[in-house]
Amino acid sequence: MSSSFPRPASDRVRAWGFLFPALAWTAAFFVLPLLIMAVYSLWNRVGNKLITDISLSNYEAFFAKSFLFQSLTNSLEVTVLVTAISIALAYPFAYILAEKVPERWQRIALIMAILPFWTSYLVRSYSWLLVLSEGGIISNFLLDTGLTDAPVSFANSRSATVIGFVHFFVMLLTLTIYANLKQLPKNYRKAAADLGAGPIRTFIHVVFPLTLPGIMVGAFLTFVLCIGDYITPAILGGKRELLLPQTIMLQIERRSDFPTASALAMILMVVVSMVYLACARWLKLDRL
């Protein structure tokens, strides 16, 4: 009696057939460029000549030249600060949306919250530059209220970069935390109340630990997008304090030094990978 089910071999062939377009796309537009960049990082540029001898001199230069290493330090400091501030602002906002706003108004509240983010990322960066500049709203407010006698500029500084980043990424964290809060069964709160826990203890021992995965996902996404961003530091931060993406672009624009730029990009990728592994390991332990 013949079976109508496909054979295991045909199943594997069919599965690989479905996977092949995705694998080919990933190999062509991610793996191959990454390998090319890794090879370039082992070459050197001397004057206008590209030396293809394999060496680690670009990586050694990263640690030997203080301004290269400092750019990574600046990026990490800004990114960690932005992530921490964004979490502190996003969690109360997400909690209010999920727990305090009536169910029928939550969708409208979310739309209103993300509406400003429908505008261009570049436009928002320049908008913050206008707000924080000498003739901006903040400076004029301080002058009108008599808090200062001269125009004040907050642009072209680390503070401006942090403000811009927090404004851009706080909503991303809000959405991940909000989704986590909405998936939290209400029976957990009732069980905690039956055991004598008040609202504060319930939040500390039940709600917050169970929403940590949402926080970690949003924090990791914020970290990745922030540490690799070039536009916001270039517009709001100026060039007084270079972050690593700016340093990479300078190697390409001013020196056409693709090997050094590739080495810096590989170092940045290693840092992001280490953060990913740390977050993945933490989340795995959290589920146990």
C-alpha atoms as a PDB file:
ATOM      1  CA  MET A   1       0.000   0.000   0.000  1.00  0.00           C
ATOM      2  CA  SER A   2       1.543   3.282  -1.084  1.00  0.00           C
ATOM      3  CA  SER A   3       1.774   6.139   1.338  1.00  0.00           C
ATOM      4  CA  SER A   4       0.577   9.643   0.459  1.00  0.00           C
ATOM      5  CA  PHE A   5       3.214  11.244   2.693  1.00  0.00           C
ATOM      6  CA  PRO A   6       6.407  12.504   1.004  1.00  0.00           C
ATOM      7  CA  ARG A   7       9.610  10.659   1.643  1.00  0.00           C
ATOM      8  CA  PRO A   8      12.112  12.077   4.176  1.00  0.00           C
ATOM      9  CA  ALA A   9      14.652  12.742   1.392  1.00  0.00           C
ATOM     10  CA  SER A  10      12.142  14.748  -0.603  1.00  0.00           C
ATOM     11  CA  ASP A  11      11.252  16.672   2.550  1.00  0.00           C
ATOM     12  CA  ARG A  12      14.869  17.692   2.978  1.00  0.00           C
ATOM     13  CA  VAL A  13      15.168  18.723  -0.654  1.00  0.00           C
ATOM     14  CA  ARG A  14      12.004  20.785  -0.398  1.00  0.00           C
ATOM     15  CA  ALA A  15      13.175  22.393   2.835  1.00  0.00           C
ATOM     16  CA  TRP A  16      16.522  23.364   1.299  1.00  0.00           C
ATOM     17  CA  GLY A  17      14.645  24.706  -1.706  1.00  0.00           C
ATOM     18  CA  PHE A  18      12.660  27.043   0.539  1.00  0.00           C
ATOM     19  CA  LEU A  19      15.772  28.039   2.492  1.00  0.00           C
ATOM     20  CA  PHE A  20      18.035  28.626  -0.494  1.00  0.00           C
ATOM     21  CA  PRO A  21      16.788  32.144  -1.443  1.00  0.00           C
ATOM     22  CA  ALA A  22      17.217  33.387   2.135  1.00  0.00           C
ATOM     23  CA  LEU A  23      20.625  31.718   2.476  1.00  0.00           C
ATOM     24  CA  ALA A  24      21.786  33.089  -0.880  1.00  0.00           C
ATOM     25  CA  TRP A  25      20.626  36.599   0.043  1.00  0.00           C
ATOM     26  CA  THR A  26      22.382  36.413   3.413  1.00  0.00           C
ATOM     27  CA  ALA A  27      25.577  35.087   1.858  1.00  0.00           C
ATOM     28  CA  ALA A  28      25.641  37.698  -0.922  1.00  0.00           C
ATOM     29  CA  PHE A  29      24.747  40.781   1.107  1.00  0.00           C
ATOM     30  CA  PHE A  30      26.061  39.959   4.583  1.00  0.00           C
ATOM     31  CA  VAL A  31      28.598  37.129   4.734  1.00  0.00           C
ATOM     32  CA  LEU A  32      30.534  38.084   1.587  1.00  0.00           C
ATOM     33  CA  PRO A  33      30.823  41.828   2.430  1.00  0.00           C
ATOM     34  CA  LEU A  34      31.857  40.886   5.963  1.00  0.00           C
ATOM     35  CA  LEU A  35      34.600  38.589   4.645  1.00  0.00           C
ATOM     36  CA  ILE A  36      35.811  41.288   2.246  1.00  0.00           C
ATOM     37  CA  MET A  37      35.931  43.811   5.085  1.00  0.00           C
ATOM     38  CA  ALA A  38      37.818  41.329   7.282  1.00  0.00           C
ATOM     39  CA  VAL A  39      40.412  40.795   4.538  1.00  0.00           C
ATOM     40  CA  TYR A  40      40.742  44.554   3.946  1.00  0.00           C
ATOM     41  CA  SER A  41      41.354  45.081   7.665  1.00  0.00           C
ATOM     42  CA  LEU A  42      44.491  42.917   7.365  1.00  0.00           C
ATOM     43  CA  TRP A  43      45.933  45.014   4.527  1.00  0.00           C
ATOM     44  CA  ASN A  44      47.628  48.396   4.791  1.00  0.00           C
ATOM     45  CA  ARG A  45      47.635  51.676   2.957  1.00  0.00           C
ATOM     46  CA  VAL A  46      50.985  53.425   2.599  1.00  0.00           C
ATOM     47  CA  GLY A  47      50.642  56.783   0.862  1.00  0.00           C
ATOM     48  CA  ASN A  48      48.435  56.136  -2.158  1.00  0.00           C
ATOM     49  CA  LYS A  49      49.416  52.494  -2.426  1.00  0.00           C
ATOM     50  CA  LEU A  50      47.479  49.544  -1.047  1.00  0.00           C
ATOM     51  CA  ILE A  51      49.745  46.897   0.488  1.00  0.00           C
ATOM     52  CA  THR A  52      48.100  43.471   0.409  1.00  0.00           C
ATOM     53  CA  ASP A  53      50.520  41.789   2.789  1.00  0.00           C
ATOM     54  CA  ILE A  54      48.627  40.237   5.693  1.00  0.00           C
ATOM     55  CA  SER A  55      49.330  41.913   9.045  1.00  0.00           C
ATOM     56  CA  LEU A  56      47.629  43.049  12.242  1.00  0.00           C
ATOM     57  CA  SER A  57      49.114  46.538  12.102  1.00  0.00           C
ATOM     58  CA  ASN A  58      45.712  48.226  11.784  1.00  0.00           C
ATOM     59  CA  TYR A  59      44.511  46.552  14.982  1.00  0.00           C
ATOM     60  CA  GLU A  60      47.778  47.403  16.719  1.00  0.00           C
ATOM     61  CA  ALA A  61      47.366  51.026  15.613  1.00  0.00           C
ATOM     62  CA  PHE A  62      43.910  51.097  17.177  1.00  0.00           C
ATOM     63  CA  PHE A  63      45.422  50.527  20.612  1.00  0.00           C
ATOM     64  CA  ALA A  64      48.566  52.538  19.919  1.00  0.00           C
ATOM     65  CA  LYS A  65      46.841  55.708  18.661  1.00  0.00           C
ATOM     66  CA  SER A  66      44.943  57.279  21.514  1.00  0.00           C
ATOM     67  CA  PHE A  67      42.378  59.101  19.366  1.00  0.00           C
ATOM     68  CA  LEU A  68      41.247  55.817  17.760  1.00  0.00           C
ATOM     69  CA  PHE A  69      40.804  54.033  21.077  1.00  0.00           C
ATOM     70  CA  GLN A  70      39.215  57.137  22.608  1.00  0.00           C
ATOM     71  CA  SER A  71      36.564  57.170  19.880  1.00  0.00           C
ATOM     72  CA  LEU A  72      35.446  53.695  20.966  1.00  0.00           C
ATOM     73  CA  THR A  73      35.441  54.803  24.601  1.00  0.00           C
ATOM     74  CA  ASN A  74      33.323  57.835  23.686  1.00  0.00           C
ATOM     75  CA  SER A  75      30.876  55.633  21.780  1.00  0.00           C
ATOM     76  CA  LEU A  76      30.508  53.221  24.688  1.00  0.00           C
ATOM     77  CA  GLU A  77      30.011  56.018  27.214  1.00  0.00           C
ATOM     78  CA  VAL A  78      27.370  57.748  25.099  1.00  0.00           C
ATOM     79  CA  THR A  79      25.594  54.503  24.226  1.00  0.00           C
ATOM     80  CA  VAL A  80      25.428  53.237  27.813  1.00  0.00           C
ATOM     81  CA  LEU A  81      24.190  56.639  29.020  1.00  0.00           C
ATOM     82  CA  VAL A  82      21.537  56.817  26.289  1.00  0.00           C
ATOM     83  CA  THR A  83      20.361  53.265  27.006  1.00  0.00           C
ATOM     84  CA  ALA A  84      20.113  53.889  30.757  1.00  0.00           C
ATOM     85  CA  ILE A  85      18.191  57.163  30.364  1.00  0.00           C
ATOM     86  CA  SER A  86      15.897  55.641  27.740  1.00  0.00           C
ATOM     87  CA  ILE A  87      15.027  52.730  30.041  1.00  0.00           C
ATOM     88  CA  ALA A  88      14.339  55.104  32.942  1.00  0.00           C
ATOM     89  CA  LEU A  89      11.969  57.152  30.776  1.00  0.00           C
ATOM     90  CA  ALA A  90      10.406  54.345  28.751  1.00  0.00           C
ATOM     91  CA  TYR A  91       9.410  51.997  31.565  1.00  0.00           C
ATOM     92  CA  PRO A  92       7.071  54.439  33.392  1.00  0.00           C
ATOM     93  CA  PHE A  93       5.600  55.540  30.068  1.00  0.00           C
ATOM     94  CA  ALA A  94       4.991  51.938  28.969  1.00  0.00           C
ATOM     95  CA  TYR A  95       3.568  51.041  32.379  1.00  0.00           C
ATOM     96  CA  ILE A  96       1.123  53.962  32.280  1.00  0.00           C
ATOM     97  CA  LEU A  97       0.026  53.014  28.755  1.00  0.00           C
ATOM     98  CA  ALA A  98      -0.450  49.349  29.616  1.00  0.00           C
ATOM     99  CA  GLU A  99      -1.925  49.642  33.118  1.00  0.00           C
ATOM    100  CA  LYS A 100      -3.488  53.075  33.579  1.00  0.00           C
ATOM    101  CA  VAL A 101      -4.840  54.066  30.160  1.00  0.00           C
ATOM    102  CA  PRO A 102      -8.237  52.450  29.421  1.00  0.00           C
ATOM    103  CA  GLU A 103      -8.061  49.585  26.939  1.00  0.00           C
ATOM    104  CA  ARG A 104     -10.128  51.385  24.307  1.00  0.00           C
ATOM    105  CA  TRP A 105      -7.764  54.384  24.337  1.00  0.00           C
ATOM    106  CA  GLN A 106      -4.452  52.516  24.342  1.00  0.00           C
ATOM    107  CA  ARG A 107      -4.213  52.122  20.569  1.00  0.00           C
ATOM    108  CA  ILE A 108      -4.913  55.819  20.031  1.00  0.00           C
ATOM    109  CA  ALA A 109      -2.363  56.727  22.717  1.00  0.00           C
ATOM    110  CA  LEU A 110       0.278  54.565  21.018  1.00  0.00           C
ATOM    111  CA  ILE A 111      -0.429  56.151  17.646  1.00  0.00           C
ATOM    112  CA  MET A 112      -0.135  59.635  19.146  1.00  0.00           C
ATOM    113  CA  ALA A 113       3.126  58.643  20.854  1.00  0.00           C
ATOM    114  CA  ILE A 114       4.786  57.306  17.705  1.00  0.00           C
ATOM    115  CA  LEU A 115       3.329  59.948  15.367  1.00  0.00           C
ATOM    116  CA  PRO A 116       6.386  62.274  15.608  1.00  0.00           C
ATOM    117  CA  PHE A 117       8.600  59.351  14.585  1.00  0.00           C
ATOM    118  CA  TRP A 118       6.956  59.147  11.194  1.00  0.00           C
ATOM    119  CA  THR A 119       9.085  62.093  10.141  1.00  0.00           C
ATOM    120  CA  SER A 120      12.546  61.627   8.684  1.00  0.00           C
ATOM    121  CA  TYR A 121      15.375  60.719  11.056  1.00  0.00           C
ATOM    122  CA  LEU A 122      17.528  63.396   9.428  1.00  0.00           C
ATOM    123  CA  VAL A 123      14.820  66.042   9.839  1.00  0.00           C
ATOM    124  CA  ARG A 124      14.487  65.237  13.533  1.00  0.00           C
ATOM    125  CA  SER A 125      18.246  65.559  14.006  1.00  0.00           C
ATOM    126  CA  TYR A 126      18.287  69.008  12.427  1.00  0.00           C
ATOM    127  CA  SER A 127      15.196  69.961  14.418  1.00  0.00           C
ATOM    128  CA  TRP A 128      17.047  69.229  17.646  1.00  0.00           C
ATOM    129  CA  LEU A 129      19.977  71.262  16.340  1.00  0.00           C
ATOM    130  CA  LEU A 130      17.643  74.252  15.938  1.00  0.00           C
ATOM    131  CA  VAL A 131      16.170  73.731  19.403  1.00  0.00           C
ATOM    132  CA  LEU A 132      19.560  73.465  21.125  1.00  0.00           C
ATOM    133  CA  SER A 133      21.418  76.171  19.194  1.00  0.00           C
ATOM    134  CA  GLU A 134      22.062  79.767  20.344  1.00  0.00           C
ATOM    135  CA  GLY A 135      18.939  81.079  18.687  1.00  0.00           C
ATOM    136  CA  GLY A 136      16.859  78.059  19.633  1.00  0.00           C
ATOM    137  CA  ILE A 137      13.803  77.695  21.831  1.00  0.00           C
ATOM    138  CA  ILE A 138      15.751  76.818  24.986  1.00  0.00           C
ATOM    139  CA  SER A 139      18.152  79.723  24.648  1.00  0.00           C
ATOM    140  CA  ASN A 140      15.321  82.192  23.972  1.00  0.00           C
ATOM    141  CA  PHE A 141      13.357  80.853  26.949  1.00  0.00           C
ATOM    142  CA  LEU A 142      16.329  81.342  29.270  1.00  0.00           C
ATOM    143  CA  LEU A 143      16.820  84.884  27.950  1.00  0.00           C
ATOM    144  CA  ASP A 144      13.131  85.792  28.266  1.00  0.00           C
ATOM    145  CA  THR A 145      12.902  84.499  31.831  1.00  0.00           C
ATOM    146  CA  GLY A 146      16.095  86.270  32.846  1.00  0.00           C
ATOM    147  CA  LEU A 147      17.885  83.079  33.814  1.00  0.00           C
ATOM    148  CA  THR A 148      20.776  84.042  31.563  1.00  0.00           C
ATOM    149  CA  ASP A 149      22.087  87.306  30.146  1.00  0.00           C
ATOM    150  CA  ALA A 150      23.552  85.899  26.935  1.00  0.00           C
ATOM    151  CA  PRO A 151      22.448  83.311  24.383  1.00  0.00           C
ATOM    152  CA  VAL A 152      23.262  79.751  25.381  1.00  0.00           C
ATOM    153  CA  SER A 153      24.075  76.946  22.978  1.00  0.00           C
ATOM    154  CA  PHE A 154      23.776  73.272  23.880  1.00  0.00           C
ATOM    155  CA  ALA A 155      24.553  72.074  20.365  1.00  0.00           C
ATOM    156  CA  ASN A 156      27.849  70.542  19.242  1.00  0.00           C
ATOM    157  CA  SER A 157      28.317  68.705  22.522  1.00  0.00           C
ATOM    158  CA  ARG A 158      27.912  65.251  24.031  1.00  0.00           C
ATOM    159  CA  SER A 159      24.792  66.438  25.852  1.00  0.00           C
ATOM    160  CA  ALA A 160      23.140  67.328  22.544  1.00  0.00           C
ATOM    161  CA  THR A 161      24.006  63.922  21.122  1.00  0.00           C
ATOM    162  CA  VAL A 162      22.554  62.173  24.171  1.00  0.00           C
ATOM    163  CA  ILE A 163      19.358  64.254  24.047  1.00  0.00           C
ATOM    164  CA  GLY A 164      18.864  63.461  20.373  1.00  0.00           C
ATOM    165  CA  PHE A 165      19.520  59.764  20.853  1.00  0.00           C
ATOM    166  CA  VAL A 166      17.188  59.496  23.859  1.00  0.00           C
ATOM    167  CA  HIS A 167      14.394  61.179  21.909  1.00  0.00           C
ATOM    168  CA  PHE A 168      14.901  58.763  19.014  1.00  0.00           C
ATOM    169  CA  PHE A 169      15.155  55.511  20.967  1.00  0.00           C
ATOM    170  CA  VAL A 170      12.927  55.974  24.023  1.00  0.00           C
ATOM    171  CA  MET A 171       9.866  55.037  21.982  1.00  0.00           C
ATOM    172  CA  LEU A 172      11.541  51.848  20.767  1.00  0.00           C
ATOM    173  CA  LEU A 173      12.060  50.760  24.366  1.00  0.00           C
ATOM    174  CA  THR A 174       8.533  51.841  25.249  1.00  0.00           C
ATOM    175  CA  LEU A 175       7.065  49.554  22.601  1.00  0.00           C
ATOM    176  CA  THR A 176       9.078  46.493  23.656  1.00  0.00           C
ATOM    177  CA  ILE A 177       8.270  47.007  27.338  1.00  0.00           C
ATOM    178  CA  TYR A 178       4.599  47.746  26.565  1.00  0.00           C
ATOM    179  CA  ALA A 179       4.308  44.501  24.571  1.00  0.00           C
ATOM    180  CA  ASN A 180       5.864  42.583  27.462  1.00  0.00           C
ATOM    181  CA  LEU A 181       3.493  44.167  29.988  1.00  0.00           C
ATOM    182  CA  LYS A 182       0.448  43.345  27.870  1.00  0.00           C
ATOM    183  CA  GLN A 183       1.497  39.682  27.688  1.00  0.00           C
ATOM    184  CA  LEU A 184       1.839  39.431  31.470  1.00  0.00           C
ATOM    185  CA  PRO A 185      -1.104  37.398  32.857  1.00  0.00           C
ATOM    186  CA  LYS A 186      -3.162  39.347  35.376  1.00  0.00           C
ATOM    187  CA  ASN A 187      -3.506  36.197  37.487  1.00  0.00           C
ATOM    188  CA  TYR A 188       0.079  36.704  38.652  1.00  0.00           C
ATOM    189  CA  ARG A 189      -0.865  39.971  40.313  1.00  0.00           C
ATOM    190  CA  LYS A 190      -3.939  38.392  41.880  1.00  0.00           C
ATOM    191  CA  ALA A 191      -1.842  35.519  43.210  1.00  0.00           C
ATOM    192  CA  ALA A 192       0.663  37.958  44.714  1.00  0.00           C
ATOM    193  CA  ALA A 193      -2.188  39.910  46.337  1.00  0.00           C
ATOM    194  CA  ASP A 194      -3.669  36.694  47.774  1.00  0.00           C
ATOM    195  CA  LEU A 195      -0.282  35.981  49.335  1.00  0.00           C
ATOM    196  CA  GLY A 196      -0.301  39.367  51.045  1.00  0.00           C
ATOM    197  CA  ALA A 197       1.878  41.394  48.683  1.00  0.00           C
ATOM    198  CA  GLY A 198       0.951  45.023  48.193  1.00  0.00           C
ATOM    199  CA  PRO A 199       1.182  46.902  44.874  1.00  0.00           C
ATOM    200  CA  ILE A 200       4.823  47.922  45.413  1.00  0.00           C
ATOM    201  CA  ARG A 201       5.995  44.433  46.414  1.00  0.00           C
ATOM    202  CA  THR A 202       4.007  42.919  43.549  1.00  0.00           C
ATOM    203  CA  PHE A 203       5.712  45.237  41.105  1.00  0.00           C
ATOM    204  CA  ILE A 204       9.206  44.627  42.530  1.00  0.00           C
ATOM    205  CA  HIS A 205       8.958  40.847  42.885  1.00  0.00           C
ATOM    206  CA  VAL A 206       6.522  39.901  40.105  1.00  0.00           C
ATOM    207  CA  VAL A 207       5.925  42.520  37.405  1.00  0.00           C
ATOM    208  CA  PHE A 208       9.420  43.941  36.991  1.00  0.00           C
ATOM    209  CA  PRO A 209      11.298  40.589  36.861  1.00  0.00           C
ATOM    210  CA  LEU A 210       8.834  39.222  34.306  1.00  0.00           C
ATOM    211  CA  THR A 211       9.243  42.299  32.098  1.00  0.00           C
ATOM    212  CA  LEU A 212      13.057  42.167  32.124  1.00  0.00           C
ATOM    213  CA  PRO A 213      13.142  40.279  28.782  1.00  0.00           C
ATOM    214  CA  GLY A 214      11.303  43.193  27.139  1.00  0.00           C
ATOM    215  CA  ILE A 215      13.715  45.646  28.734  1.00  0.00           C
ATOM    216  CA  MET A 216      16.727  43.646  27.577  1.00  0.00           C
ATOM    217  CA  VAL A 217      15.441  43.332  24.005  1.00  0.00           C
ATOM    218  CA  GLY A 218      14.771  47.066  23.796  1.00  0.00           C
ATOM    219  CA  ALA A 219      18.076  47.896  25.489  1.00  0.00           C
ATOM    220  CA  PHE A 220      20.014  45.717  23.067  1.00  0.00           C
ATOM    221  CA  LEU A 221      18.289  47.239  20.035  1.00  0.00           C
ATOM    222  CA  THR A 222      18.977  50.707  21.431  1.00  0.00           C
ATOM    223  CA  PHE A 223      22.625  49.806  22.034  1.00  0.00           C
ATOM    224  CA  VAL A 224      23.113  48.480  18.499  1.00  0.00           C
ATOM    225  CA  LEU A 225      21.379  51.392  16.767  1.00  0.00           C
ATOM    226  CA  CYS A 226      23.054  53.998  18.962  1.00  0.00           C
ATOM    227  CA  ILE A 227      26.659  52.749  18.838  1.00  0.00           C
ATOM    228  CA  GLY A 228      26.551  52.404  15.056  1.00  0.00           C
ATOM    229  CA  ASP A 229      24.832  55.722  14.340  1.00  0.00           C
ATOM    230  CA  TYR A 230      26.767  58.320  12.370  1.00  0.00           C
ATOM    231  CA  ILE A 231      24.166  60.980  11.553  1.00  0.00           C
ATOM    232  CA  THR A 232      23.151  62.186  15.021  1.00  0.00           C
ATOM    233  CA  PRO A 233      26.700  62.622  16.430  1.00  0.00           C
ATOM    234  CA  ALA A 234      27.758  64.385  13.232  1.00  0.00           C
ATOM    235  CA  ILE A 235      24.846  66.855  13.369  1.00  0.00           C
ATOM    236  CA  LEU A 236      24.348  67.396  17.103  1.00  0.00           C
ATOM    237  CA  GLY A 237      27.753  66.524  18.497  1.00  0.00           C
ATOM    238  CA  GLY A 238      29.861  68.281  15.924  1.00  0.00           C
ATOM    239  CA  LYS A 239      33.465  67.154  15.711  1.00  0.00           C
ATOM    240  CA  ARG A 240      34.687  68.158  19.146  1.00  0.00           C
ATOM    241  CA  GLU A 241      34.336  64.598  20.431  1.00  0.00           C
ATOM    242  CA  LEU A 242      34.478  61.881  17.798  1.00  0.00           C
ATOM    243  CA  LEU A 243      32.555  58.652  18.152  1.00  0.00           C
ATOM    244  CA  LEU A 244      33.721  55.485  16.426  1.00  0.00           C
ATOM    245  CA  PRO A 245      31.362  55.725  13.396  1.00  0.00           C
ATOM    246  CA  GLN A 246      32.629  59.267  12.774  1.00  0.00           C
ATOM    247  CA  THR A 247      36.229  58.066  13.013  1.00  0.00           C
ATOM    248  CA  ILE A 248      35.488  55.322  10.489  1.00  0.00           C
ATOM    249  CA  MET A 249      33.975  57.834   8.058  1.00  0.00           C
ATOM    250  CA  LEU A 250      36.931  60.184   8.463  1.00  0.00           C
ATOM    251  CA  GLN A 251      39.328  57.388   7.514  1.00  0.00           C
ATOM    252  CA  ILE A 252      37.378  56.938   4.281  1.00  0.00           C
ATOM    253  CA  GLU A 253      36.552  60.549   3.401  1.00  0.00           C
ATOM    254  CA  ARG A 254      39.860  62.243   4.205  1.00  0.00           C
ATOM    255  CA  ARG A 255      42.444  59.500   3.810  1.00  0.00           C
ATOM    256  CA  SER A 256      40.707  56.847   1.665  1.00  0.00           C
ATOM    257  CA  ASP A 257      42.192  54.421   4.190  1.00  0.00           C
ATOM    258  CA  PHE A 258      39.825  51.522   3.725  1.00  0.00           C
ATOM    259  CA  PRO A 259      42.012  49.002   5.627  1.00  0.00           C
ATOM    260  CA  THR A 260      41.979  51.111   8.804  1.00  0.00           C
ATOM    261  CA  ALA A 261      38.257  51.827   8.407  1.00  0.00           C
ATOM    262  CA  SER A 262      37.609  48.103   7.939  1.00  0.00           C
ATOM    263  CA  ALA A 263      39.612  47.270  11.084  1.00  0.00           C
ATOM    264  CA  LEU A 264      37.627  49.820  13.098  1.00  0.00           C
ATOM    265  CA  ALA A 265      34.364  48.423  11.721  1.00  0.00           C
ATOM    266  CA  MET A 266      35.420  44.894  12.672  1.00  0.00           C
ATOM    267  CA  ILE A 267      36.242  46.077  16.198  1.00  0.00           C
ATOM    268  CA  LEU A 268      32.819  47.708  16.413  1.00  0.00           C
ATOM    269  CA  MET A 269      31.203  44.471  15.282  1.00  0.00           C
ATOM    270  CA  VAL A 270      33.133  42.512  17.914  1.00  0.00           C
ATOM    271  CA  VAL A 271      31.874  44.893  20.623  1.00  0.00           C
ATOM    272  CA  VAL A 272      28.270  44.510  19.449  1.00  0.00           C
ATOM    273  CA  SER A 273      28.665  40.721  19.296  1.00  0.00           C
ATOM    274  CA  MET A 274      30.002  40.646  22.861  1.00  0.00           C
ATOM    275  CA  VAL A 275      27.016  42.671  24.072  1.00  0.00           C
ATOM    276  CA  TYR A 276      24.669  40.345  22.200  1.00  0.00           C
ATOM    277  CA  LEU A 277      26.229  37.268  23.789  1.00  0.00           C
ATOM    278  CA  ALA A 278      26.004  38.874  27.229  1.00  0.00           C
ATOM    279  CA  CYS A 279      22.330  39.745  26.729  1.00  0.00           C
ATOM    280  CA  ALA A 280      21.481  36.333  25.249  1.00  0.00           C
ATOM    281  CA  ARG A 281      23.156  34.515  28.112  1.00  0.00           C
ATOM    282  CA  TRP A 282      21.375  36.702  30.677  1.00  0.00           C
ATOM    283  CA  LEU A 283      17.995  36.184  29.073  1.00  0.00           C
ATOM    284  CA  LYS A 284      18.570  32.424  28.902  1.00  0.00           C
ATOM    285  CA  LEU A 285      19.403  32.291  32.597  1.00  0.00           C
ATOM    286  CA  ASP A 286      16.383  34.452  33.347  1.00  0.00           C
ATOM    287  CA  ARG A 287      14.067  31.865  31.789  1.00  0.00           C
ATOM    288  CA  LEU A 288      15.428  28.992  33.884  1.00  0.00           C
END
